Amino acid sequence: MSDKRGFKAAPTANLPEDIRNVVLIGPTGSGKTSLVESLIYAAGASTRIGNVEDGTTISDFDPISIKQHRSVGLAVATISWQGLVINLIDTPGYEDFMADLRAGLRAADAALFVIGSTDGVDAATRHLWDECEAAGMPRGIVVTKLDNERGDFEETVAVCQRIFAGGGAVLPLHLPIHANNGSPIGFIDLLTTTIHEWTTGSRAERECEREHGDLIELARGDLIEAIITESEDENLMDRFVAGEPVEVETLNRDFERAVARGHFHPVLGHSLAPATLGTDLILELIGRGFPSPAERPLPVVMSVGGDPLPPLLPDPAGPLCAEVFKTTSDPDNGKLSLVRVFSGTLTADQAVHITGHFESSSGHQIQDVVARIGVLSAPLGAEQRPVAPAIAGSIVSVSKLTGAETGDTLSSLAQPLIMEPWLMPEPLLPIAIRAHTATDEENLGPALARLLAEDPTLRIDQNVATRQMVVWCIGEAHANLVAEQLRTRYRVNVDTEEVRFQLRETFATMAEGIGRIGEQSGQYTVCEIVVEPLP
């Protein structure tokens, strides 16, 4: 069933094994948002494919993202594919928005690392890869823009193999095939040796011909050897070395195990012309190659007092443990919290305990409150589709979750819990701001409070000595985003000024002196003073 905008009803899962949480990571301009559009369309969740330049994509629905033609915040799109519920988490690629990238890694169980076939791999891209590596995130690589005349799949794979060598095996799962004019028309599956073509506008399959078989023999052998090695299947390795044939079903089982271990990274291709070229194959990788929430270890959980607890399991019947990994708000629709359920089941109108990590000196609230869950929805960009209770492994939107900020833990009243926080980048750029008018002065405080609830990297410092309000940001792009959010979302205009620093002198070494103070009566006082710096 679809609504008038072409969106289907929200998909639901009955078991954690039927869920895939996938974060898309890559540098700005690599094609993450366009890939999300293709995946949403191929899954039948939308009847049209949006365009970043036109501002019509589902995941870049924020007015600032539309204006800048790039993602400035995390967005989630929940789709259904062959009986699975897939939560696609689109993250910004610019370094100033690293907090949303890490939030996406926290909520996901696997990643699609997106690289443009014309862009190469620079230091910023390597940094993003290192973030995935630090999180131990299983991931595949998607090479986009294959329809570009400068696109080079083989060269991009070679560069990834050279630069990402420390993160495990990087090998193509498919090889692109081209028409006589050089445009991509399909892929050869190196495991099944099946050819997938989109020459008629839709996907068609046929058996690999002898000429293709000779070309892929070496690449297929390398792929099979890497799968067996990274899955640590010694029996299958003995068979492979002995030259025995290996069944595709057996390889598929070891393929999933190798990817889940986080040391084998299959490479796939994607093209926007036609828009579905390779999209089905990526969805199939997500379904059969990426781990479900039931196969991933959960973050460390403690009691509210900080005492360690036994590891939780992703069991819908277990104790409730969920986490707010993104918060958004606006004057019209109010507060919306994106929540990953790690254990137990979250239901509407349920009373939950909210626990946070922040100190009041940062401007954030110290959370230890009770709140009631509002409406649960499956997000599709800005579209919110109501859903039933959210089981372990689910990602849902919760409306009007009073008192909750990004990074807070939701648990049951009977067993309050707190999850070990993920590491946030420290804001190092101070920006002094002042309200432009008296009306802006009145509205500035509430607006900043909402932004603080959304952004855990934002810090507010009311400096009494210099009489300035200082906003600490990650970088200039982050500072510009905060100013733009104040202006467009909350209609608060601010002016910036030079940050004033309070300077005080102190003693560097020990010193002593004697002074004499006299009075008119002839009496006087001799004063001896000794000063030295503190140890």
Protein backbone atom coordinates (compact mmCIF):
# COMPACT_ATOMS: atom_id res chain seq x y z
CA MET A 1 0.00 0.00 0.00
CA SER A 2 1.35 3.44 -0.95
CA ASP A 3 0.49 6.96 0.08
CA LYS A 4 -0.16 9.82 -2.33
CA ARG A 5 3.54 10.64 -2.56
CA GLY A 6 4.48 7.18 -3.75
CA PHE A 7 5.87 5.85 -0.45
CA LYS A 8 4.90 2.36 0.64
CA ALA A 9 3.77 1.40 4.13
CA ALA A 10 6.53 0.84 6.68
CA PRO A 11 8.15 -2.62 6.66
CA THR A 12 8.34 -4.56 9.92
CA ALA A 13 10.52 -7.43 11.14
CA ASN A 14 9.60 -10.22 13.53
CA LEU A 15 13.15 -11.36 14.28
CA PRO A 16 16.52 -9.59 14.57
CA GLU A 17 17.80 -12.00 11.90
CA ASP A 18 15.45 -10.28 9.42
CA ILE A 19 17.05 -6.84 9.89
CA ARG A 20 20.07 -5.25 8.22
CA ASN A 21 21.40 -1.91 9.49
CA VAL A 22 23.76 -0.43 6.91
CA VAL A 23 25.62 2.89 7.08
CA LEU A 24 26.86 4.56 3.89
CA ILE A 25 30.24 6.20 4.32
CA GLY A 26 32.41 8.08 1.87
CA PRO A 27 33.86 11.49 1.04
CA THR A 28 31.70 14.40 -0.06
CA GLY A 29 30.65 14.02 -3.69
CA SER A 30 31.30 10.29 -3.87
CA GLY A 31 27.64 9.52 -4.61
CA LYS A 32 26.33 8.20 -1.28
CA THR A 33 23.02 10.03 -1.42
CA SER A 34 22.48 9.11 -5.08
CA LEU A 35 23.19 5.48 -4.22
CA VAL A 36 20.61 5.64 -1.42
CA GLU A 37 18.09 6.98 -3.93
CA SER A 38 18.78 4.05 -6.27
CA LEU A 39 18.46 1.51 -3.45
CA ILE A 40 15.17 3.02 -2.26
CA TYR A 41 13.80 2.98 -5.80
CA ALA A 42 15.00 -0.56 -6.58
CA ALA A 43 13.38 -1.82 -3.36
CA GLY A 44 10.07 -0.30 -4.43
CA ALA A 45 9.89 2.12 -1.50
CA SER A 46 9.57 5.11 -3.87
CA THR A 47 8.27 5.61 -7.39
CA ARG A 48 10.86 8.16 -8.46
CA ILE A 49 14.58 8.79 -8.18
CA GLY A 50 15.59 12.15 -6.76
CA ASN A 51 18.57 14.25 -7.75
CA VAL A 52 21.06 15.97 -5.45
CA GLU A 53 21.44 19.03 -7.67
CA ASP A 54 17.68 19.48 -7.88
CA GLY A 55 17.25 19.04 -4.13
CA THR A 56 14.75 16.21 -4.59
CA THR A 57 16.51 13.32 -2.83
CA ILE A 58 14.81 11.54 0.05
CA SER A 59 17.73 11.56 2.48
CA ASP A 60 18.84 15.17 1.86
CA PHE A 61 15.54 16.70 2.90
CA ASP A 62 17.00 19.35 5.21
CA PRO A 63 16.77 22.83 3.62
CA ILE A 64 20.44 23.48 4.35
CA SER A 65 21.46 20.23 2.61
CA ILE A 66 19.33 21.19 -0.38
CA LYS A 67 20.90 24.66 -0.50
CA GLN A 68 24.48 23.37 -0.24
CA HIS A 69 23.96 20.32 -2.50
CA ARG A 70 25.58 18.06 0.08
CA SER A 71 24.61 16.14 3.20
CA VAL A 72 25.13 18.08 6.43
CA GLY A 73 23.45 15.57 8.73
CA LEU A 74 22.61 11.92 9.18
CA ALA A 75 19.39 10.55 7.66
CA VAL A 76 17.74 7.11 7.72
CA ALA A 77 15.65 5.36 5.07
CA THR A 78 13.91 2.09 6.01
CA ILE A 79 13.13 -0.22 3.09
CA SER A 80 12.15 -3.84 2.52
CA TRP A 81 13.95 -6.31 0.26
CA GLN A 82 13.12 -10.00 -0.16
CA GLY A 83 11.62 -10.32 3.32
CA LEU A 84 14.32 -8.27 5.05
CA VAL A 85 14.01 -4.86 6.68
CA ILE A 86 16.99 -2.73 5.64
CA ASN A 87 17.79 0.53 7.44
CA LEU A 88 20.00 2.68 5.22
CA ILE A 89 21.92 5.35 7.17
CA ASP A 90 23.22 8.14 4.93
CA THR A 91 26.04 10.11 6.55
CA PRO A 92 27.80 13.35 5.55
CA GLY A 93 31.31 13.01 4.14
CA TYR A 94 32.79 16.31 5.31
CA GLU A 95 35.16 16.08 8.27
CA ASP A 96 33.37 18.79 10.26
CA PHE A 97 30.37 16.47 10.56
CA MET A 98 32.36 13.51 11.93
CA ALA A 99 29.93 13.22 14.86
CA ASP A 100 27.14 12.03 12.54
CA LEU A 101 29.51 9.57 10.87
CA ARG A 102 30.35 8.02 14.25
CA ALA A 103 26.69 7.99 15.21
CA GLY A 104 25.96 6.06 12.01
CA LEU A 105 28.72 3.57 12.81
CA ARG A 106 27.22 3.11 16.27
CA ALA A 107 23.75 2.35 14.93
CA ALA A 108 24.83 0.11 12.04
CA ASP A 109 26.00 -3.50 11.81
CA ALA A 110 27.74 -3.12 8.42
CA ALA A 111 28.84 -0.38 6.04
CA LEU A 112 28.90 0.42 2.35
CA PHE A 113 32.06 2.44 1.73
CA VAL A 114 31.37 4.59 -1.33
CA ILE A 115 34.16 5.82 -3.65
CA GLY A 116 33.71 7.62 -6.96
CA SER A 117 35.48 5.94 -9.87
CA THR A 118 36.77 9.34 -10.98
CA ASP A 119 37.84 10.65 -7.58
CA GLY A 120 40.68 8.47 -6.36
CA VAL A 121 41.51 8.00 -2.68
CA ASP A 122 42.80 11.05 -0.82
CA ALA A 123 43.75 11.62 2.82
CA ALA A 124 40.16 12.46 3.81
CA THR A 125 38.92 9.19 2.29
CA ARG A 126 41.63 7.27 4.11
CA HIS A 127 40.54 8.94 7.36
CA LEU A 128 36.97 7.73 6.82
CA TRP A 129 38.24 4.20 6.18
CA ASP A 130 40.25 4.38 9.41
CA GLU A 131 37.08 5.36 11.28
CA CYS A 132 35.42 2.16 10.01
CA GLU A 133 38.50 0.16 10.93
CA ALA A 134 38.56 1.59 14.47
CA ALA A 135 34.91 0.60 14.92
CA GLY A 136 35.57 -2.92 13.60
CA MET A 137 32.79 -2.41 11.06
CA PRO A 138 32.20 -5.12 8.40
CA ARG A 139 32.01 -3.36 5.05
CA GLY A 140 31.85 -3.64 1.33
CA ILE A 141 33.09 -1.07 -1.17
CA VAL A 142 30.87 0.44 -3.86
CA VAL A 143 32.60 2.14 -6.80
CA THR A 144 30.17 4.72 -8.22
CA LYS A 145 30.03 6.92 -11.34
CA LEU A 146 30.92 4.09 -13.71
CA ASP A 147 28.93 5.90 -16.41
CA ASN A 148 31.39 8.80 -16.31
CA GLU A 149 33.72 8.75 -19.30
CA ARG A 150 36.69 9.06 -16.91
CA GLY A 151 35.42 6.32 -14.62
CA ASP A 152 37.87 3.46 -14.13
CA PHE A 153 36.68 0.52 -12.00
CA GLU A 154 39.88 -1.52 -12.25
CA GLU A 155 42.14 1.43 -11.33
CA THR A 156 39.92 2.35 -8.37
CA VAL A 157 40.05 -1.23 -7.10
CA ALA A 158 43.84 -1.26 -7.47
CA VAL A 159 44.15 1.99 -5.50
CA CYS A 160 41.90 0.65 -2.73
CA GLN A 161 43.95 -2.55 -2.54
CA ARG A 162 47.13 -0.53 -2.18
CA ILE A 163 45.90 2.05 0.34
CA PHE A 164 43.47 -0.07 2.37
CA ALA A 165 45.77 -3.10 2.55
CA GLY A 166 45.99 -2.88 6.34
CA GLY A 167 42.26 -3.43 6.67
CA GLY A 168 42.15 -6.87 5.06
CA ALA A 169 41.46 -8.28 1.61
CA VAL A 170 39.91 -5.90 -0.95
CA LEU A 171 38.70 -7.83 -4.00
CA PRO A 172 35.97 -7.31 -6.62
CA LEU A 173 32.87 -9.47 -6.29
CA HIS A 174 31.71 -8.39 -9.76
CA LEU A 175 33.50 -7.10 -12.85
CA PRO A 176 31.80 -4.53 -15.11
CA ILE A 177 31.09 -5.27 -18.76
CA HIS A 178 30.73 -2.54 -21.37
CA ALA A 179 28.97 -1.91 -24.66
CA ASN A 180 30.92 -1.14 -27.82
CA ASN A 181 30.79 2.58 -27.04
CA GLY A 182 32.41 1.99 -23.64
CA SER A 183 29.34 2.59 -21.47
CA PRO A 184 28.69 0.06 -18.68
CA ILE A 185 25.82 -2.37 -19.33
CA GLY A 186 26.23 -4.96 -16.60
CA PHE A 187 28.45 -7.09 -14.39
CA ILE A 188 29.92 -10.59 -14.23
CA ASP A 189 29.41 -12.28 -10.87
CA LEU A 190 32.78 -13.87 -10.05
CA LEU A 191 31.26 -16.42 -7.68
CA THR A 192 28.41 -17.73 -9.81
CA THR A 193 29.95 -16.66 -13.20
CA THR A 194 26.51 -15.26 -14.09
CA ILE A 195 26.26 -12.18 -16.30
CA HIS A 196 23.79 -9.49 -15.16
CA GLU A 197 22.83 -7.02 -17.90
CA TRP A 198 20.65 -3.91 -17.98
CA THR A 199 20.59 -3.39 -21.75
CA THR A 200 16.78 -3.40 -21.87
CA GLY A 201 16.38 -1.04 -18.90
CA SER A 202 15.77 -3.90 -16.46
CA ARG A 203 18.02 -6.62 -15.15
CA ALA A 204 18.50 -9.78 -17.21
CA GLU A 205 20.72 -12.77 -16.47
CA ARG A 206 22.60 -15.17 -18.73
CA GLU A 207 25.39 -17.67 -18.43
CA CYS A 208 28.98 -16.58 -18.80
CA GLU A 209 30.47 -17.31 -22.23
CA ARG A 210 33.83 -19.02 -22.76
CA GLU A 211 35.57 -15.78 -23.70
CA HIS A 212 34.43 -14.20 -20.46
CA GLY A 213 35.36 -17.30 -18.46
CA ASP A 214 38.97 -17.08 -19.57
CA LEU A 215 39.12 -13.37 -18.62
CA ILE A 216 37.74 -13.85 -15.11
CA GLU A 217 39.58 -17.06 -14.20
CA LEU A 218 42.41 -15.34 -12.32
CA ALA A 219 40.14 -12.80 -10.56
CA ARG A 220 37.73 -15.58 -9.54
CA GLY A 221 40.54 -17.67 -8.10
CA ASP A 222 41.84 -14.75 -6.03
CA LEU A 223 38.32 -14.04 -4.74
CA ILE A 224 37.66 -17.65 -3.72
CA GLU A 225 41.03 -17.94 -2.00
CA ALA A 226 40.42 -14.69 -0.05
CA ILE A 227 36.94 -15.81 1.04
CA ILE A 228 38.25 -19.15 2.32
CA THR A 229 41.25 -17.54 4.02
CA GLU A 230 39.32 -14.78 5.79
CA SER A 231 36.54 -17.16 6.87
CA GLU A 232 39.23 -19.46 8.32
CA ASP A 233 37.64 -22.55 6.77
CA GLU A 234 40.63 -24.90 6.80
CA ASN A 235 38.75 -27.89 5.35
CA LEU A 236 37.58 -25.86 2.38
CA MET A 237 41.08 -24.46 1.91
CA ASP A 238 42.47 -27.98 1.66
CA ARG A 239 39.90 -28.81 -1.01
CA PHE A 240 40.64 -25.62 -2.92
CA VAL A 241 44.41 -26.17 -2.86
CA ALA A 242 43.91 -29.75 -4.02
CA GLY A 243 42.01 -28.47 -7.04
CA GLU A 244 38.65 -29.90 -6.03
CA PRO A 245 35.54 -28.04 -7.20
CA VAL A 246 33.92 -25.84 -4.55
CA GLU A 247 30.12 -25.45 -4.52
CA VAL A 248 28.73 -21.92 -4.78
CA GLU A 249 26.45 -22.59 -1.78
CA THR A 250 29.49 -23.40 0.35
CA LEU A 251 31.28 -20.28 -0.88
CA ASN A 252 28.25 -18.12 -0.05
CA ARG A 253 28.25 -19.44 3.53
CA ASP A 254 31.95 -18.67 3.94
CA PHE A 255 31.48 -15.34 2.15
CA GLU A 256 29.10 -14.09 4.85
CA ARG A 257 31.45 -15.29 7.58
CA ALA A 258 34.44 -13.56 5.95
CA VAL A 259 32.59 -10.24 5.60
CA ALA A 260 31.23 -10.41 9.17
CA ARG A 261 34.76 -10.82 10.54
CA GLY A 262 35.58 -7.38 9.11
CA HIS A 263 38.73 -8.41 7.23
CA PHE A 264 37.30 -9.13 3.80
CA HIS A 265 35.84 -6.29 1.75
CA PRO A 266 34.04 -7.16 -1.50
CA VAL A 267 33.97 -4.46 -4.18
CA LEU A 268 30.89 -3.78 -6.31
CA GLY A 269 30.06 -1.20 -8.97
CA HIS A 270 27.19 1.22 -9.49
CA SER A 271 26.08 3.59 -12.21
CA LEU A 272 23.33 6.19 -12.48
CA ALA A 273 22.80 5.46 -16.17
CA PRO A 274 20.62 3.45 -16.05
CA ALA A 275 19.77 4.32 -12.46
CA THR A 276 19.40 0.69 -11.38
CA LEU A 277 22.68 -0.60 -12.86
CA GLY A 278 24.19 -2.71 -10.08
CA THR A 279 21.62 -1.67 -7.47
CA ASP A 280 19.98 -5.10 -7.19
CA LEU A 281 23.39 -6.70 -6.73
CA ILE A 282 24.19 -4.31 -3.87
CA LEU A 283 20.88 -5.17 -2.19
CA GLU A 284 21.71 -8.85 -2.58
CA LEU A 285 25.09 -8.25 -0.93
CA ILE A 286 23.34 -6.56 1.99
CA GLY A 287 20.92 -9.46 2.31
CA ARG A 288 23.23 -12.45 1.97
CA GLY A 289 26.63 -11.02 2.86
CA PHE A 290 26.12 -8.50 5.67
CA PRO A 291 25.55 -9.58 9.30
CA SER A 292 22.23 -9.12 11.06
CA PRO A 293 21.97 -7.54 14.54
CA ALA A 294 21.89 -11.07 15.95
CA GLU A 295 25.43 -11.66 14.66
CA ARG A 296 27.09 -8.52 16.02
CA PRO A 297 28.35 -7.96 19.59
CA LEU A 298 26.53 -5.24 21.49
CA PRO A 299 28.22 -2.21 23.11
CA VAL A 300 29.30 -2.49 26.72
CA VAL A 301 26.46 -1.95 29.19
CA MET A 302 26.75 -0.74 32.78
CA SER A 303 24.44 0.00 35.65
CA VAL A 304 23.53 3.64 36.22
CA GLY A 305 26.11 3.63 39.00
CA GLY A 306 28.84 2.57 36.56
CA ASP A 307 29.14 -1.07 37.62
CA PRO A 308 29.90 -3.47 34.72
CA LEU A 309 27.15 -5.89 33.72
CA PRO A 310 27.15 -9.14 31.74
CA PRO A 311 26.94 -8.60 27.95
CA LEU A 312 23.43 -8.24 26.59
CA LEU A 313 22.04 -10.28 23.72
CA PRO A 314 19.94 -8.89 20.84
CA ASP A 315 16.88 -10.65 22.25
CA PRO A 316 13.42 -9.04 21.81
CA ALA A 317 12.42 -10.64 25.12
CA GLY A 318 15.50 -9.38 26.95
CA PRO A 319 15.87 -6.25 29.09
CA LEU A 320 15.25 -3.03 27.21
CA CYS A 321 18.40 -1.23 26.11
CA ALA A 322 18.22 1.35 23.32
CA GLU A 323 20.17 4.44 22.38
CA VAL A 324 19.42 7.81 20.82
CA PHE A 325 21.99 8.20 18.04
CA LYS A 326 20.51 11.30 16.40
CA THR A 327 18.15 14.08 17.46
CA THR A 328 16.43 16.63 15.25
CA SER A 329 13.90 19.32 16.00
CA ASP A 330 12.12 22.22 14.40
CA PRO A 331 9.51 24.73 15.56
CA ASP A 332 6.74 23.12 13.48
CA ASN A 333 7.15 19.37 14.05
CA GLY A 334 8.90 19.36 17.42
CA LYS A 335 11.54 16.91 18.56
CA LEU A 336 12.34 13.66 16.78
CA SER A 337 14.80 11.07 18.12
CA LEU A 338 16.38 8.33 16.00
CA VAL A 339 16.76 5.29 18.24
CA ARG A 340 18.59 1.97 17.78
CA VAL A 341 17.12 -0.82 19.90
CA PHE A 342 19.93 -3.17 20.99
CA SER A 343 17.99 -5.42 23.37
CA GLY A 344 14.37 -5.90 24.37
CA THR A 345 11.36 -4.33 22.67
CA LEU A 346 10.38 -0.66 22.55
CA THR A 347 6.67 0.18 22.43
CA ALA A 348 4.64 3.37 22.13
CA ASP A 349 3.46 4.93 25.41
CA GLN A 350 6.08 2.93 27.32
CA ALA A 351 7.71 4.57 30.34
CA VAL A 352 11.52 4.46 30.04
CA HIS A 353 14.51 5.55 32.05
CA ILE A 354 16.82 8.02 30.23
CA THR A 355 20.48 8.15 31.21
CA GLY A 356 23.16 10.39 29.69
CA HIS A 357 26.89 11.01 29.91
CA PHE A 358 27.36 14.75 29.55
CA GLU A 359 28.45 17.18 32.24
CA SER A 360 26.52 20.39 32.83
CA SER A 361 29.66 22.46 32.18
CA SER A 362 29.41 21.58 28.47
CA GLY A 363 26.00 23.19 28.19
CA HIS A 364 24.31 19.79 27.86
CA GLN A 365 21.89 18.37 30.39
CA ILE A 366 22.86 15.63 32.85
CA GLN A 367 20.25 13.00 32.08
CA ASP A 368 18.71 10.74 34.72
CA VAL A 369 15.00 11.09 34.12
CA VAL A 370 11.87 9.13 33.29
CA ALA A 371 9.94 9.82 30.10
CA ARG A 372 7.18 8.23 28.06
CA ILE A 373 7.72 6.97 24.51
CA GLY A 374 5.70 8.77 21.86
CA VAL A 375 4.76 7.55 18.39
CA LEU A 376 7.15 5.02 16.82
CA SER A 377 7.85 5.48 13.11
CA ALA A 378 10.01 3.98 10.38
CA PRO A 379 11.79 6.91 8.72
CA LEU A 380 12.12 7.37 4.98
CA GLY A 381 13.98 10.64 4.98
CA ALA A 382 11.51 13.25 6.20
CA GLU A 383 8.57 10.83 5.82
CA GLN A 384 7.57 9.12 9.07
CA ARG A 385 5.52 5.91 8.75
CA PRO A 386 3.97 4.52 11.97
CA VAL A 387 5.17 1.08 13.03
CA ALA A 388 4.33 -1.52 15.64
CA PRO A 389 6.67 -2.24 18.58
CA ALA A 390 10.36 -2.10 17.68
CA ILE A 391 12.23 -5.31 18.47
CA ALA A 392 15.95 -5.68 19.18
CA GLY A 393 17.93 -4.64 16.11
CA SER A 394 15.35 -2.11 14.91
CA ILE A 395 15.93 1.55 14.09
CA VAL A 396 12.92 3.81 14.65
CA SER A 397 12.00 7.44 15.08
CA VAL A 398 10.44 8.46 18.40
CA SER A 399 8.46 11.68 18.53
CA LYS A 400 8.60 14.14 21.41
CA LEU A 401 10.94 12.13 23.63
CA THR A 402 11.23 14.71 26.38
CA GLY A 403 14.58 15.00 28.10
CA ALA A 404 16.55 12.81 25.68
CA GLU A 405 19.66 13.97 23.83
CA THR A 406 21.92 12.33 21.28
CA GLY A 407 23.92 9.58 23.00
CA ASP A 408 21.41 8.92 25.80
CA THR A 409 20.44 5.38 26.82
CA LEU A 410 16.82 4.25 27.08
CA SER A 411 16.08 1.36 29.46
CA SER A 412 13.28 -0.06 31.57
CA LEU A 413 12.29 1.46 34.90
CA ALA A 414 12.88 -1.90 36.57
CA GLN A 415 16.45 -2.20 35.26
CA PRO A 416 18.02 1.17 34.42
CA LEU A 417 21.11 0.83 32.22
CA ILE A 418 23.69 3.02 30.55
CA MET A 419 25.68 2.13 27.44
CA GLU A 420 29.35 2.91 27.08
CA PRO A 421 29.48 6.11 24.99
CA TRP A 422 31.08 6.29 21.59
CA LEU A 423 33.99 8.68 21.18
CA MET A 424 33.03 12.13 19.94
CA PRO A 425 35.43 14.60 18.27
CA GLU A 426 36.36 17.54 20.45
CA PRO A 427 35.29 21.02 19.27
CA LEU A 428 38.36 23.20 18.92
CA LEU A 429 37.07 26.31 17.12
CA PRO A 430 35.62 29.03 19.40
CA ILE A 431 33.09 31.45 17.90
CA ALA A 432 31.85 34.40 19.96
CA ILE A 433 28.24 35.30 19.13
CA ARG A 434 25.72 37.90 20.23
CA ALA A 435 22.06 38.34 19.38
CA HIS A 436 21.39 40.80 16.58
CA THR A 437 18.26 42.33 18.14
CA ALA A 438 16.41 42.27 21.45
CA THR A 439 13.95 39.76 19.99
CA ASP A 440 16.83 37.55 18.91
CA GLU A 441 18.25 37.82 22.43
CA GLU A 442 14.99 36.49 23.85
CA ASN A 443 14.89 33.49 21.49
CA LEU A 444 18.60 32.66 21.39
CA GLY A 445 18.68 30.61 24.60
CA PRO A 446 15.86 28.19 23.69
CA ALA A 447 17.22 27.80 20.15
CA LEU A 448 20.71 26.92 21.39
CA ALA A 449 19.22 24.46 23.88
CA ARG A 450 17.56 22.58 21.02
CA LEU A 451 20.76 22.55 18.98
CA LEU A 452 22.67 21.22 21.99
CA ALA A 453 20.20 18.34 22.27
CA GLU A 454 20.84 17.48 18.62
CA ASP A 455 24.61 17.91 18.42
CA PRO A 456 26.83 16.31 21.10
CA THR A 457 29.93 18.04 19.68
CA LEU A 458 28.53 21.53 20.27
CA ARG A 459 29.69 23.34 23.41
CA ILE A 460 28.39 26.60 24.89
CA ASP A 461 30.55 28.69 27.20
CA GLN A 462 29.14 31.71 29.03
CA ASN A 463 32.38 33.52 29.92
CA VAL A 464 31.65 35.76 32.89
CA ALA A 465 35.04 37.46 32.80
CA THR A 466 34.86 38.52 29.13
CA ARG A 467 31.04 38.79 29.06
CA GLN A 468 30.87 36.75 25.87
CA MET A 469 28.85 33.75 24.73
CA VAL A 470 31.28 31.37 23.01
CA VAL A 471 30.13 28.50 20.83
CA TRP A 472 32.75 25.78 20.34
CA CYS A 473 32.55 24.01 16.97
CA ILE A 474 34.49 21.35 15.06
CA GLY A 475 35.42 23.67 12.19
CA GLU A 476 34.21 26.49 9.97
CA ALA A 477 31.66 24.35 8.11
CA HIS A 478 30.21 23.27 11.47
CA ALA A 479 30.10 26.88 12.70
CA ASN A 480 28.38 28.02 9.49
CA LEU A 481 25.82 25.21 9.89
CA VAL A 482 24.99 26.30 13.45
CA ALA A 483 24.51 29.92 12.36
CA GLU A 484 22.35 28.83 9.41
CA GLN A 485 20.22 26.58 11.65
CA LEU A 486 19.65 29.44 14.07
CA ARG A 487 18.64 31.75 11.25
CA THR A 488 16.47 29.47 9.09
CA ARG A 489 15.02 27.04 11.61
CA TYR A 490 14.52 29.24 14.66
CA ARG A 491 14.53 32.70 13.03
CA VAL A 492 17.31 33.91 15.31
CA ASN A 493 20.00 36.14 13.80
CA VAL A 494 23.37 36.37 15.49
CA ASP A 495 26.49 38.43 14.92
CA THR A 496 30.00 37.14 15.46
CA GLU A 497 32.79 39.03 17.12
CA GLU A 498 36.41 38.44 18.00
CA VAL A 499 36.85 36.04 20.89
CA ARG A 500 38.30 37.80 23.91
CA PHE A 501 40.62 35.82 26.16
CA GLN A 502 41.06 36.52 29.84
CA LEU A 503 44.77 36.96 30.53
CA ARG A 504 46.23 36.88 34.06
CA GLU A 505 49.80 37.30 35.25
CA THR A 506 51.38 34.94 37.71
CA PHE A 507 54.75 34.36 39.39
CA ALA A 508 57.36 32.37 37.45
CA THR A 509 60.04 32.09 40.19
CA MET A 510 60.40 32.75 43.91
CA ALA A 511 60.99 36.41 44.91
CA GLU A 512 61.15 38.38 48.14
CA GLY A 513 61.11 42.00 49.19
CA ILE A 514 61.02 44.40 52.18
CA GLY A 515 58.94 47.54 52.40
CA ARG A 516 58.49 50.33 54.97
CA ILE A 517 55.19 52.11 55.54
CA GLY A 518 55.36 55.31 57.59
CA GLU A 519 52.73 57.49 59.24
CA GLN A 520 52.65 61.26 60.17
CA SER A 521 52.98 60.38 63.83
CA GLY A 522 56.43 59.02 63.11
CA GLN A 523 55.42 55.42 63.58
CA TYR A 524 56.15 53.01 60.76
CA THR A 525 55.73 49.37 59.76
CA VAL A 526 58.27 47.12 58.07
CA CYS A 527 56.74 44.47 55.82
CA GLU A 528 58.65 41.48 54.43
CA ILE A 529 56.98 39.42 51.66
CA VAL A 530 58.01 36.19 49.96
CA VAL A 531 56.16 34.83 46.88
CA GLU A 532 56.67 31.66 44.88
CA PRO A 533 54.67 29.75 42.20
CA LEU A 534 52.44 26.87 43.20
CA PRO A 535 54.01 23.41 42.82
